[in-house]
Amino acid sequence: MVAQFRELYLDRKNNWLHGLALVGVRAVLGIESQRGPPFNIQRSLNVPNLSQDEVKELYQQYQDESGQVIEPGVVDAIYENIRGQPGLVSWFGELLTEKYNPGADKTLRQKSRLLRNF
């Protein structure tokens, strides 16, 4: 798959791909290719896990901007289970607010479908 991204980039006059950032818990630099490195990467960017206070602040900012109320226990459960991994914290927030949101007029509670097994 990464080789296909590289081919799209090299032939960008005929393709839509002009740049690509891969974000995840694994380093792209470890990918081995028979044709050489798939990307001209200089270094990996280490994004450390968020602290519990940073996770709380992130969700507080969302509440302030949207008016959506989130039970404090929800944010605590997210941190305890995800341990501040930035991508998962954001993705879980997206699920809570877009897919499992009971409505802006209702509080997101720990008893919601998404958090039952948390």
Protein backbone atom coordinates (compact mmCIF):
# COMPACT_ATOMS: atom_id res chain seq x y z
CA MET A 1 0.00 0.00 0.00
CA VAL A 2 2.77 2.49 0.83
CA ALA A 3 4.37 1.78 -2.53
CA GLN A 4 1.10 2.80 -4.21
CA PHE A 5 1.07 6.07 -2.28
CA ARG A 6 4.65 6.70 -3.42
CA GLU A 7 3.72 6.02 -7.06
CA LEU A 8 0.79 8.46 -6.80
CA TYR A 9 3.10 11.07 -5.34
CA LEU A 10 5.75 10.62 -8.01
CA ASP A 11 3.13 10.96 -10.77
CA ARG A 12 1.30 13.86 -9.09
CA LYS A 13 0.63 15.63 -12.39
CA ASN A 14 -1.88 12.86 -13.14
CA ASN A 15 -3.00 12.10 -9.58
CA TRP A 16 -4.61 13.89 -6.69
CA LEU A 17 -1.97 13.03 -4.06
CA HIS A 18 0.42 15.90 -3.37
CA GLY A 19 1.41 14.99 0.16
CA LEU A 20 0.68 12.39 2.81
CA ALA A 21 1.11 12.19 6.56
CA LEU A 22 0.81 8.80 8.20
CA VAL A 23 -0.09 8.98 11.87
CA GLY A 24 -0.13 5.97 14.13
CA VAL A 25 1.54 4.08 16.89
CA ARG A 26 4.10 2.46 14.59
CA ALA A 27 7.00 4.18 12.85
CA VAL A 28 6.83 4.29 9.07
CA LEU A 29 10.63 4.30 8.94
CA GLY A 30 10.64 0.57 9.72
CA ILE A 31 8.92 -0.35 6.44
CA GLU A 32 11.19 -2.33 4.17
CA SER A 33 10.89 -2.11 0.42
CA GLN A 34 12.82 -3.80 -2.38
CA ARG A 35 12.80 -0.53 -4.31
CA GLY A 36 14.09 1.62 -1.47
CA PRO A 37 12.30 3.75 1.11
CA PRO A 38 8.68 4.44 0.16
CA PHE A 39 8.88 8.05 1.35
CA ASN A 40 11.56 10.65 1.74
CA ILE A 41 11.20 10.80 5.51
CA GLN A 42 13.74 12.61 7.58
CA ARG A 43 12.54 11.49 10.99
CA SER A 44 9.58 10.21 12.91
CA LEU A 45 7.61 12.61 15.03
CA ASN A 46 7.00 11.36 18.54
CA VAL A 47 3.65 12.52 19.87
CA PRO A 48 3.55 11.69 23.58
CA ASN A 49 0.42 10.53 25.34
CA LEU A 50 -1.78 13.23 26.81
CA SER A 51 -1.86 13.61 30.57
CA GLN A 52 -5.13 13.17 32.44
CA ASP A 53 -5.35 16.95 32.87
CA GLU A 54 -4.80 17.48 29.13
CA VAL A 55 -7.58 14.99 28.29
CA LYS A 56 -9.92 16.75 30.71
CA GLU A 57 -9.00 20.13 29.21
CA LEU A 58 -9.60 18.86 25.67
CA TYR A 59 -13.08 17.60 26.54
CA GLN A 60 -13.79 20.78 28.53
CA GLN A 61 -12.94 22.88 25.48
CA TYR A 62 -15.39 20.81 23.46
CA GLN A 63 -18.10 21.33 26.09
CA ASP A 64 -17.46 25.08 26.20
CA GLU A 65 -17.64 25.40 22.41
CA SER A 66 -20.59 23.08 21.76
CA GLY A 67 -22.70 23.43 24.88
CA GLN A 68 -22.78 19.62 25.13
CA VAL A 69 -22.45 18.46 28.75
CA ILE A 70 -20.26 15.43 29.46
CA GLU A 71 -20.33 13.66 32.83
CA PRO A 72 -16.90 13.91 34.52
CA GLY A 73 -16.87 10.12 34.94
CA VAL A 74 -16.99 9.74 31.16
CA VAL A 75 -13.75 11.66 30.68
CA ASP A 76 -12.13 9.77 33.58
CA ALA A 77 -13.15 6.43 32.01
CA ILE A 78 -11.74 7.49 28.65
CA TYR A 79 -8.41 8.39 30.21
CA GLU A 80 -8.22 5.25 32.36
CA ASN A 81 -8.86 2.95 29.40
CA ILE A 82 -6.97 4.76 26.65
CA ARG A 83 -4.15 6.19 28.80
CA GLY A 84 -4.03 9.42 26.84
CA GLN A 85 -3.07 8.03 23.42
CA PRO A 86 -3.78 11.17 21.33
CA GLY A 87 -5.30 9.50 18.29
CA LEU A 88 -7.60 7.31 20.36
CA VAL A 89 -8.64 10.17 22.66
CA SER A 90 -9.69 12.20 19.61
CA TRP A 91 -11.34 9.27 17.84
CA PHE A 92 -13.28 8.29 20.94
CA GLY A 93 -14.41 11.89 21.35
CA GLU A 94 -15.62 11.86 17.75
CA LEU A 95 -17.61 8.67 18.39
CA LEU A 96 -19.14 10.11 21.54
CA THR A 97 -20.14 13.39 19.98
CA GLU A 98 -21.16 12.29 16.49
CA LYS A 99 -22.29 8.67 16.59
CA TYR A 100 -23.47 8.01 20.13
CA ASN A 101 -24.53 11.52 21.10
CA PRO A 102 -28.01 11.48 22.70
CA GLY A 103 -28.51 15.12 21.68
CA ALA A 104 -26.99 18.46 22.58
CA ASP A 105 -29.75 18.97 25.13
CA LYS A 106 -28.82 15.73 26.97
CA THR A 107 -25.76 14.93 29.06
CA LEU A 108 -23.32 12.33 27.76
CA ARG A 109 -23.38 9.79 30.57
CA GLN A 110 -21.23 6.84 31.48
CA LYS A 111 -24.22 4.54 31.03
CA SER A 112 -24.35 5.26 27.28
CA ARG A 113 -24.10 2.33 24.84
CA LEU A 114 -20.52 3.13 23.97
CA LEU A 115 -19.32 3.29 27.58
CA ARG A 116 -21.21 0.33 29.07
CA ASN A 117 -18.23 -2.01 28.87
CA PHE A 118 -15.69 0.67 29.73
